[in-house]
Amino acid sequence: MYTKNQLCEKIISVYPDIGECGIDLNVEYDQDKKVWVVQLNKDNQTLKTYLEPEDANVCMEGKQCIGLGMQIYQLRDNIKNMRDS
């Protein structure tokens, strides 16, 4: 098992520009829904997505980060587009 900080570090390693372009990242595990909640904040805008533990596990084991990567990519893109519009 891994911590939310380890998952945050993994997300940042896949998308290092998250912190650099002023996008804050927060990760929490939702015990009720049994999913990771990944939240991106930029300025006064917040978007979040839910990441299944299976997708997070595979990525954390270094096998593949496709599930995690696709969701974070879409979330990051959405928050950037919100600011541009």
PDB file of N, CA and C in Angstrom:
ATOM      1  N   MET A   1       0.844  -1.190   0.000  1.00  0.00           N
ATOM      2  CA  MET A   1       0.000   0.000   0.000  1.00  0.00           C
ATOM      3  C   MET A   1       0.885   1.247   0.000  1.00  0.00           C
ATOM      4  N   TYR A   2       0.378   2.329  -0.449  1.00  0.00           N
ATOM      5  CA  TYR A   2       1.119   3.573  -0.560  1.00  0.00           C
ATOM      6  C   TYR A   2       0.298   4.699   0.057  1.00  0.00           C
ATOM      7  N   THR A   3       0.957   5.818   0.280  1.00  0.00           N
ATOM      8  CA  THR A   3       0.294   6.960   0.906  1.00  0.00           C
ATOM      9  C   THR A   3      -0.186   7.946  -0.160  1.00  0.00           C
ATOM     10  N   LYS A   4      -0.995   8.894   0.258  1.00  0.00           N
ATOM     11  CA  LYS A   4      -1.461   9.922  -0.676  1.00  0.00           C
ATOM     12  C   LYS A   4      -0.286  10.756  -1.176  1.00  0.00           C
ATOM     13  N   ASN A   5       0.725  10.959  -0.330  1.00  0.00           N
ATOM     14  CA  ASN A   5       1.902  11.716  -0.762  1.00  0.00           C
ATOM     15  C   ASN A   5       2.657  10.985  -1.853  1.00  0.00           C
ATOM     16  N   GLN A   6       2.761   9.661  -1.734  1.00  0.00           N
ATOM     17  CA  GLN A   6       3.434   8.875  -2.769  1.00  0.00           C
ATOM     18  C   GLN A   6       2.667   8.943  -4.087  1.00  0.00           C
ATOM     19  N   LEU A   7       1.338   8.891  -4.014  1.00  0.00           N
ATOM     20  CA  LEU A   7       0.520   8.985  -5.228  1.00  0.00           C
ATOM     21  C   LEU A   7       0.662  10.383  -5.838  1.00  0.00           C
ATOM     22  N   CYS A   8       0.689  11.406  -5.007  1.00  0.00           N
ATOM     23  CA  CYS A   8       0.908  12.779  -5.486  1.00  0.00           C
ATOM     24  C   CYS A   8       2.241  12.870  -6.227  1.00  0.00           C
ATOM     25  N   GLU A   9       3.279  12.327  -5.637  1.00  0.00           N
ATOM     26  CA  GLU A   9       4.607  12.357  -6.256  1.00  0.00           C
ATOM     27  C   GLU A   9       4.599  11.637  -7.602  1.00  0.00           C
ATOM     28  N   LYS A  10       3.873  10.533  -7.682  1.00  0.00           N
ATOM     29  CA  LYS A  10       3.789   9.787  -8.937  1.00  0.00           C
ATOM     30  C   LYS A  10       3.084  10.619 -10.005  1.00  0.00           C
ATOM     31  N   ILE A  11       1.992  11.271  -9.626  1.00  0.00           N
ATOM     32  CA  ILE A  11       1.255  12.110 -10.575  1.00  0.00           C
ATOM     33  C   ILE A  11       2.156  13.233 -11.077  1.00  0.00           C
ATOM     34  N   ILE A  12       2.886  13.852 -10.175  1.00  0.00           N
ATOM     35  CA  ILE A  12       3.785  14.940 -10.558  1.00  0.00           C
ATOM     36  C   ILE A  12       4.919  14.427 -11.444  1.00  0.00           C
ATOM     37  N   SER A  13       5.365  13.187 -11.206  1.00  0.00           N
ATOM     38  CA  SER A  13       6.424  12.638 -12.066  1.00  0.00           C
ATOM     39  C   SER A  13       5.908  12.396 -13.486  1.00  0.00           C
ATOM     40  N   VAL A  14       4.617  12.069 -13.620  1.00  0.00           N
ATOM     41  CA  VAL A  14       4.016  11.864 -14.941  1.00  0.00           C
ATOM     42  C   VAL A  14       3.714  13.216 -15.592  1.00  0.00           C
ATOM     43  N   TYR A  15       3.270  14.186 -14.786  1.00  0.00           N
ATOM     44  CA  TYR A  15       2.926  15.526 -15.283  1.00  0.00           C
ATOM     45  C   TYR A  15       3.643  16.584 -14.447  1.00  0.00           C
ATOM     46  N   PRO A  16       4.942  16.782 -14.687  1.00  0.00           N
ATOM     47  CA  PRO A  16       5.718  17.708 -13.868  1.00  0.00           C
ATOM     48  C   PRO A  16       5.279  19.166 -13.988  1.00  0.00           C
ATOM     49  N   ASP A  17       4.534  19.516 -15.028  1.00  0.00           N
ATOM     50  CA  ASP A  17       4.106  20.901 -15.180  1.00  0.00           C
ATOM     51  C   ASP A  17       2.927  21.264 -14.288  1.00  0.00           C
ATOM     52  N   ILE A  18       2.365  20.307 -13.567  1.00  0.00           N
ATOM     53  CA  ILE A  18       1.233  20.610 -12.697  1.00  0.00           C
ATOM     54  C   ILE A  18       1.612  21.686 -11.685  1.00  0.00           C
ATOM     55  N   GLY A  19       2.687  21.513 -10.980  1.00  0.00           N
ATOM     56  CA  GLY A  19       3.110  22.512 -10.010  1.00  0.00           C
ATOM     57  C   GLY A  19       3.686  23.756 -10.655  1.00  0.00           C
ATOM     58  N   GLU A  20       4.382  23.581 -11.760  1.00  0.00           N
ATOM     59  CA  GLU A  20       5.074  24.687 -12.402  1.00  0.00           C
ATOM     60  C   GLU A  20       4.133  25.723 -12.996  1.00  0.00           C
ATOM     61  N   CYS A  21       2.994  25.314 -13.496  1.00  0.00           N
ATOM     62  CA  CYS A  21       2.113  26.286 -14.139  1.00  0.00           C
ATOM     63  C   CYS A  21       1.028  26.781 -13.193  1.00  0.00           C
ATOM     64  N   GLY A  22       1.263  26.668 -11.901  1.00  0.00           N
ATOM     65  CA  GLY A  22       0.337  27.217 -10.919  1.00  0.00           C
ATOM     66  C   GLY A  22      -0.867  26.342 -10.623  1.00  0.00           C
ATOM     67  N   ILE A  23      -0.800  25.096 -10.999  1.00  0.00           N
ATOM     68  CA  ILE A  23      -1.896  24.174 -10.707  1.00  0.00           C
ATOM     69  C   ILE A  23      -1.529  23.393  -9.450  1.00  0.00           C
ATOM     70  N   ASP A  24      -2.350  23.530  -8.424  1.00  0.00           N
ATOM     71  CA  ASP A  24      -2.130  22.799  -7.185  1.00  0.00           C
ATOM     72  C   ASP A  24      -2.814  21.449  -7.254  1.00  0.00           C
ATOM     73  N   LEU A  25      -2.187  20.462  -6.654  1.00  0.00           N
ATOM     74  CA  LEU A  25      -2.673  19.092  -6.680  1.00  0.00           C
ATOM     75  C   LEU A  25      -2.981  18.633  -5.266  1.00  0.00           C
ATOM     76  N   ASN A  26      -4.106  17.985  -5.099  1.00  0.00           N
ATOM     77  CA  ASN A  26      -4.461  17.401  -3.817  1.00  0.00           C
ATOM     78  C   ASN A  26      -5.020  16.005  -4.063  1.00  0.00           C
ATOM     79  N   VAL A  27      -4.600  15.050  -3.254  1.00  0.00           N
ATOM     80  CA  VAL A  27      -5.063  13.669  -3.392  1.00  0.00           C
ATOM     81  C   VAL A  27      -5.553  13.192  -2.029  1.00  0.00           C
ATOM     82  N   GLU A  28      -6.729  12.618  -2.008  1.00  0.00           N
ATOM     83  CA  GLU A  28      -7.301  12.044  -0.779  1.00  0.00           C
ATOM     84  C   GLU A  28      -7.962  10.713  -1.131  1.00  0.00           C
ATOM     85  N   TYR A  29      -7.983   9.809  -0.171  1.00  0.00           N
ATOM     86  CA  TYR A  29      -8.707   8.548  -0.386  1.00  0.00           C
ATOM     87  C   TYR A  29     -10.082   8.676   0.242  1.00  0.00           C
ATOM     88  N   ASP A  30     -11.119   8.414  -0.524  1.00  0.00           N
ATOM     89  CA  ASP A  30     -12.501   8.465  -0.041  1.00  0.00           C
ATOM     90  C   ASP A  30     -12.888   7.070   0.437  1.00  0.00           C
ATOM     91  N   GLN A  31     -12.961   6.905   1.740  1.00  0.00           N
ATOM     92  CA  GLN A  31     -13.273   5.600   2.336  1.00  0.00           C
ATOM     93  C   GLN A  31     -14.666   5.106   1.947  1.00  0.00           C
ATOM     94  N   ASP A  32     -15.624   6.010   1.844  1.00  0.00           N
ATOM     95  CA  ASP A  32     -16.997   5.608   1.516  1.00  0.00           C
ATOM     96  C   ASP A  32     -17.113   5.083   0.085  1.00  0.00           C
ATOM     97  N   LYS A  33     -16.498   5.803  -0.847  1.00  0.00           N
ATOM     98  CA  LYS A  33     -16.579   5.416  -2.259  1.00  0.00           C
ATOM     99  C   LYS A  33     -15.477   4.449  -2.663  1.00  0.00           C
ATOM    100  N   LYS A  34     -14.460   4.325  -1.808  1.00  0.00           N
ATOM    101  CA  LYS A  34     -13.318   3.444  -2.063  1.00  0.00           C
ATOM    102  C   LYS A  34     -12.604   3.807  -3.359  1.00  0.00           C
ATOM    103  N   VAL A  35     -12.351   5.104  -3.540  1.00  0.00           N
ATOM    104  CA  VAL A  35     -11.621   5.633  -4.694  1.00  0.00           C
ATOM    105  C   VAL A  35     -10.688   6.737  -4.225  1.00  0.00           C
ATOM    106  N   TRP A  36      -9.675   6.996  -5.030  1.00  0.00           N
ATOM    107  CA  TRP A  36      -8.807   8.144  -4.803  1.00  0.00           C
ATOM    108  C   TRP A  36      -9.474   9.350  -5.443  1.00  0.00           C
ATOM    109  N   VAL A  37      -9.523  10.461  -4.743  1.00  0.00           N
ATOM    110  CA  VAL A  37     -10.051  11.715  -5.270  1.00  0.00           C
ATOM    111  C   VAL A  37      -8.850  12.596  -5.596  1.00  0.00           C
ATOM    112  N   VAL A  38      -8.695  12.912  -6.875  1.00  0.00           N
ATOM    113  CA  VAL A  38      -7.596  13.759  -7.328  1.00  0.00           C
ATOM    114  C   VAL A  38      -8.197  15.107  -7.696  1.00  0.00           C
ATOM    115  N   GLN A  39      -7.702  16.140  -7.035  1.00  0.00           N
ATOM    116  CA  GLN A  39      -8.253  17.475  -7.219  1.00  0.00           C
ATOM    117  C   GLN A  39      -7.162  18.427  -7.695  1.00  0.00           C
ATOM    118  N   LEU A  40      -7.479  19.191  -8.744  1.00  0.00           N
ATOM    119  CA  LEU A  40      -6.580  20.216  -9.251  1.00  0.00           C
ATOM    120  C   LEU A  40      -7.205  21.581  -9.008  1.00  0.00           C
ATOM    121  N   ASN A  41      -6.397  22.506  -8.524  1.00  0.00           N
ATOM    122  CA  ASN A  41      -6.860  23.868  -8.251  1.00  0.00           C
ATOM    123  C   ASN A  41      -5.976  24.851  -8.999  1.00  0.00           C
ATOM    124  N   LYS A  42      -6.613  25.815  -9.635  1.00  0.00           N
ATOM    125  CA  LYS A  42      -5.870  26.888 -10.289  1.00  0.00           C
ATOM    126  C   LYS A  42      -6.698  28.156 -10.145  1.00  0.00           C
ATOM    127  N   ASP A  43      -6.062  29.189  -9.587  1.00  0.00           N
ATOM    128  CA  ASP A  43      -6.764  30.436  -9.286  1.00  0.00           C
ATOM    129  C   ASP A  43      -7.958  30.085  -8.393  1.00  0.00           C
ATOM    130  N   ASN A  44      -9.175  30.437  -8.810  1.00  0.00           N
ATOM    131  CA  ASN A  44     -10.362  30.118  -7.996  1.00  0.00           C
ATOM    132  C   ASN A  44     -11.130  28.935  -8.565  1.00  0.00           C
ATOM    133  N   GLN A  45     -10.510  28.156  -9.432  1.00  0.00           N
ATOM    134  CA  GLN A  45     -11.189  27.047 -10.093  1.00  0.00           C
ATOM    135  C   GLN A  45     -10.705  25.721  -9.521  1.00  0.00           C
ATOM    136  N   THR A  46     -11.637  24.807  -9.354  1.00  0.00           N
ATOM    137  CA  THR A  46     -11.312  23.484  -8.831  1.00  0.00           C
ATOM    138  C   THR A  46     -12.001  22.428  -9.687  1.00  0.00           C
ATOM    139  N   LEU A  47     -11.235  21.411 -10.050  1.00  0.00           N
ATOM    140  CA  LEU A  47     -11.791  20.250 -10.743  1.00  0.00           C
ATOM    141  C   LEU A  47     -11.278  19.002 -10.044  1.00  0.00           C
ATOM    142  N   LYS A  48     -12.100  17.972 -10.051  1.00  0.00           N
ATOM    143  CA  LYS A  48     -11.638  16.718  -9.458  1.00  0.00           C
ATOM    144  C   LYS A  48     -12.102  15.537 -10.278  1.00  0.00           C
ATOM    145  N   THR A  49     -11.373  14.447 -10.090  1.00  0.00           N
ATOM    146  CA  THR A  49     -11.706  13.195 -10.741  1.00  0.00           C
ATOM    147  C   THR A  49     -11.520  12.081  -9.727  1.00  0.00           C
ATOM    148  N   TYR A  50     -12.091  10.948 -10.031  1.00  0.00           N
ATOM    149  CA  TYR A  50     -11.977   9.782  -9.148  1.00  0.00           C
ATOM    150  C   TYR A  50     -11.112   8.747  -9.838  1.00  0.00           C
ATOM    151  N   LEU A  51     -10.165   8.227  -9.102  1.00  0.00           N
ATOM    152  CA  LEU A  51      -9.227   7.252  -9.641  1.00  0.00           C
ATOM    153  C   LEU A  51      -9.429   5.926  -8.912  1.00  0.00           C
ATOM    154  N   GLU A  52      -9.739   4.905  -9.679  1.00  0.00           N
ATOM    155  CA  GLU A  52      -9.937   3.578  -9.090  1.00  0.00           C
ATOM    156  C   GLU A  52      -8.623   3.082  -8.479  1.00  0.00           C
ATOM    157  N   PRO A  53      -8.689   2.452  -7.325  1.00  0.00           N
ATOM    158  CA  PRO A  53      -7.474   1.940  -6.685  1.00  0.00           C
ATOM    159  C   PRO A  53      -6.680   0.993  -7.587  1.00  0.00           C
ATOM    160  N   GLU A  54      -7.375   0.219  -8.422  1.00  0.00           N
ATOM    161  CA  GLU A  54      -6.673  -0.709  -9.311  1.00  0.00           C
ATOM    162  C   GLU A  54      -5.765   0.043 -10.285  1.00  0.00           C
ATOM    163  N   ASP A  55      -6.268   1.152 -10.850  1.00  0.00           N
ATOM    164  CA  ASP A  55      -5.458   1.954 -11.771  1.00  0.00           C
ATOM    165  C   ASP A  55      -4.273   2.577 -11.044  1.00  0.00           C
ATOM    166  N   ALA A  56      -4.522   3.077  -9.852  1.00  0.00           N
ATOM    167  CA  ALA A  56      -3.443   3.682  -9.058  1.00  0.00           C
ATOM    168  C   ALA A  56      -2.411   2.627  -8.680  1.00  0.00           C
ATOM    169  N   ASN A  57      -2.862   1.436  -8.299  1.00  0.00           N
ATOM    170  CA  ASN A  57      -1.954   0.364  -7.886  1.00  0.00           C
ATOM    171  C   ASN A  57      -1.001  -0.037  -9.010  1.00  0.00           C
ATOM    172  N   VAL A  58      -1.553  -0.250 -10.208  1.00  0.00           N
ATOM    173  CA  VAL A  58      -0.737  -0.665 -11.347  1.00  0.00           C
ATOM    174  C   VAL A  58       0.322   0.389 -11.641  1.00  0.00           C
ATOM    175  N   CYS A  59      -0.067   1.635 -11.583  1.00  0.00           N
ATOM    176  CA  CYS A  59       0.877   2.712 -11.852  1.00  0.00           C
ATOM    177  C   CYS A  59       1.944   2.790 -10.752  1.00  0.00           C
ATOM    178  N   MET A  60       1.539   2.698  -9.520  1.00  0.00           N
ATOM    179  CA  MET A  60       2.478   2.791  -8.409  1.00  0.00           C
ATOM    180  C   MET A  60       3.477   1.640  -8.425  1.00  0.00           C
ATOM    181  N   GLU A  61       3.070   0.496  -8.979  1.00  0.00           N
ATOM    182  CA  GLU A  61       3.970  -0.659  -9.085  1.00  0.00           C
ATOM    183  C   GLU A  61       4.934  -0.503 -10.260  1.00  0.00           C
ATOM    184  N   GLY A  62       4.799   0.567 -11.032  1.00  0.00           N
ATOM    185  CA  GLY A  62       5.706   0.823 -12.146  1.00  0.00           C
ATOM    186  C   GLY A  62       5.377   0.039 -13.396  1.00  0.00           C
ATOM    187  N   LYS A  63       4.185  -0.535 -13.467  1.00  0.00           N
ATOM    188  CA  LYS A  63       3.821  -1.347 -14.634  1.00  0.00           C
ATOM    189  C   LYS A  63       3.293  -0.485 -15.769  1.00  0.00           C
ATOM    190  N   GLN A  64       2.254   0.295 -15.512  1.00  0.00           N
ATOM    191  CA  GLN A  64       1.723   1.214 -16.520  1.00  0.00           C
ATOM    192  C   GLN A  64       0.877   2.266 -15.826  1.00  0.00           C
ATOM    193  N   CYS A  65       0.918   3.458 -16.364  1.00  0.00           N
ATOM    194  CA  CYS A  65       0.166   4.571 -15.775  1.00  0.00           C
ATOM    195  C   CYS A  65      -0.873   5.111 -16.741  1.00  0.00           C
ATOM    196  N   ILE A  66      -1.381   4.254 -17.612  1.00  0.00           N
ATOM    197  CA  ILE A  66      -2.327   4.719 -18.619  1.00  0.00           C
ATOM    198  C   ILE A  66      -3.613   5.228 -17.974  1.00  0.00           C
ATOM    199  N   GLY A  67      -4.199   4.456 -17.062  1.00  0.00           N
ATOM    200  CA  GLY A  67      -5.440   4.883 -16.412  1.00  0.00           C
ATOM    201  C   GLY A  67      -5.253   6.170 -15.644  1.00  0.00           C
ATOM    202  N   LEU A  68      -4.222   6.222 -14.853  1.00  0.00           N
ATOM    203  CA  LEU A  68      -3.921   7.412 -14.069  1.00  0.00           C
ATOM    204  C   LEU A  68      -3.570   8.565 -14.998  1.00  0.00           C
ATOM    205  N   GLY A  69      -2.729   8.301 -15.971  1.00  0.00           N
ATOM    206  CA  GLY A  69      -2.280   9.341 -16.881  1.00  0.00           C
ATOM    207  C   GLY A  69      -3.405   9.965 -17.681  1.00  0.00           C
ATOM    208  N   MET A  70      -4.315   9.160 -18.198  1.00  0.00           N
ATOM    209  CA  MET A  70      -5.418   9.683 -19.003  1.00  0.00           C
ATOM    210  C   MET A  70      -6.326  10.574 -18.172  1.00  0.00           C
ATOM    211  N   GLN A  71      -6.635  10.146 -16.959  1.00  0.00           N
ATOM    212  CA  GLN A  71      -7.530  10.947 -16.130  1.00  0.00           C
ATOM    213  C   GLN A  71      -6.880  12.260 -15.719  1.00  0.00           C
ATOM    214  N   ILE A  72      -5.622  12.219 -15.336  1.00  0.00           N
ATOM    215  CA  ILE A  72      -4.931  13.436 -14.925  1.00  0.00           C
ATOM    216  C   ILE A  72      -4.757  14.362 -16.124  1.00  0.00           C
ATOM    217  N   TYR A  73      -4.435  13.800 -17.296  1.00  0.00           N
ATOM    218  CA  TYR A  73      -4.281  14.604 -18.508  1.00  0.00           C
ATOM    219  C   TYR A  73      -5.575  15.349 -18.818  1.00  0.00           C
ATOM    220  N   GLN A  74      -6.719  14.653 -18.767  1.00  0.00           N
ATOM    221  CA  GLN A  74      -7.999  15.279 -19.058  1.00  0.00           C
ATOM    222  C   GLN A  74      -8.323  16.356 -18.027  1.00  0.00           C
ATOM    223  N   LEU A  75      -8.062  16.053 -16.763  1.00  0.00           N
ATOM    224  CA  LEU A  75      -8.339  17.003 -15.700  1.00  0.00           C
ATOM    225  C   LEU A  75      -7.473  18.248 -15.857  1.00  0.00           C
ATOM    226  N   ARG A  76      -6.193  18.040 -16.122  1.00  0.00           N
ATOM    227  CA  ARG A  76      -5.264  19.154 -16.298  1.00  0.00           C
ATOM    228  C   ARG A  76      -5.681  20.004 -17.498  1.00  0.00           C
ATOM    229  N   ASP A  77      -6.053  19.355 -18.596  1.00  0.00           N
ATOM    230  CA  ASP A  77      -6.479  20.062 -19.789  1.00  0.00           C
ATOM    231  C   ASP A  77      -7.743  20.886 -19.522  1.00  0.00           C
ATOM    232  N   ASN A  78      -8.694  20.289 -18.819  1.00  0.00           N
ATOM    233  CA  ASN A  78      -9.939  20.976 -18.503  1.00  0.00           C
ATOM    234  C   ASN A  78      -9.706  22.228 -17.671  1.00  0.00           C
ATOM    235  N   ILE A  79      -8.843  22.131 -16.682  1.00  0.00           N
ATOM    236  CA  ILE A  79      -8.611  23.289 -15.830  1.00  0.00           C
ATOM    237  C   ILE A  79      -7.850  24.375 -16.575  1.00  0.00           C
ATOM    238  N   LYS A  80      -6.939  23.996 -17.471  1.00  0.00           N
ATOM    239  CA  LYS A  80      -6.254  24.998 -18.291  1.00  0.00           C
ATOM    240  C   LYS A  80      -7.246  25.681 -19.233  1.00  0.00           C
ATOM    241  N   ASN A  81      -8.168  24.916 -19.835  1.00  0.00           N
ATOM    242  CA  ASN A  81      -9.142  25.483 -20.762  1.00  0.00           C
ATOM    243  C   ASN A  81     -10.139  26.403 -20.056  1.00  0.00           C
ATOM    244  N   MET A  82     -10.458  26.105 -18.798  1.00  0.00           N
ATOM    245  CA  MET A  82     -11.371  26.954 -18.040  1.00  0.00           C
ATOM    246  C   MET A  82     -10.785  28.356 -17.900  1.00  0.00           C
ATOM    247  N   ARG A  83      -9.504  28.411 -17.664  1.00  0.00           N
ATOM    248  CA  ARG A  83      -8.846  29.708 -17.472  1.00  0.00           C
ATOM    249  C   ARG A  83      -8.755  30.476 -18.791  1.00  0.00           C
ATOM    250  N   ASP A  84      -8.545  29.759 -19.887  1.00  0.00           N
ATOM    251  CA  ASP A  84      -8.374  30.410 -21.176  1.00  0.00           C
ATOM    252  C   ASP A  84      -9.687  30.939 -21.758  1.00  0.00           C
ATOM    253  N   SER A  85     -10.809  30.418 -21.267  1.00  0.00           N
ATOM    254  CA  SER A  85     -12.096  30.843 -21.858  1.00  0.00           C
ATOM    255  C   SER A  85     -12.729  31.984 -21.117  1.00  0.00           C
TER     256      SER A  85
END
